[in-house]
C-alpha cells in the first residue's frame, strides 16, 4: 500500500492477434500462426512412405501411424486404441459419453462431429454445393449426389436375394421385398 492508503494496481492488457482471412482471434501469436496454416495450400511436411503432404508436423505423425500401425491414443473406458487423438475423441463420444457438443442454432439438432453439423446446416441455408456433372441437379451432401448419379450411370447396386431384381436405392429394394 502507498502512503495515501490506496493499492497500486498493475493492469496488463492482452493484445488480440487477429486473422486477416476470417474472424479467428487469439491472445497468443503462436496460436494465430498455427491457425494461419488452415488458409494455406502449402503442405511442406511429406510422408516418406507415400509422399503425401501435410500442413503440420503433428498431422504428418498421425498419418505415419497409419502406415506403421501405431495406435498411441488409448481409450480409458475400454481396450480400444487409435492412431489419432481425434479418432479417440470421436470414439469416446459415440461409444461412452454420448456427448453431442455441436448444436444447431436453428433447431434442436446436435452432433458428435462438427462436420455433421455443417452438413445439417445446409437444410436451413438451402446450400447445395455438390453439382451433378450431367444435369442441373445439385446436392447438399456427397451421399445424395452419388445416389442421384445412378440415374445417369444405370448402376443398380441393390439386389433382391429372392428374385434377383436390382434397384438404384435401398428403399426401393425394401419396398420390393414386401411383395415376396
Foldseek 3Di string as FASTA:
>chain_A
DDPVPDDDDDDDDQDWDADPPDGDIDSDPVVVVVVCLVVDPDFPDAAPPPRDGHSDPLVNQLVVCVVVVDFPAAAPVDGDTHSDPVVNQLCCCVPPVVDFPAADPPDGDTHSDPVVVVLVCCVVVVDFPAADPPDGDGHSDPVVNVLVCCVVVVDFPDADPPPGDTHSDPVVNVVVVVVD
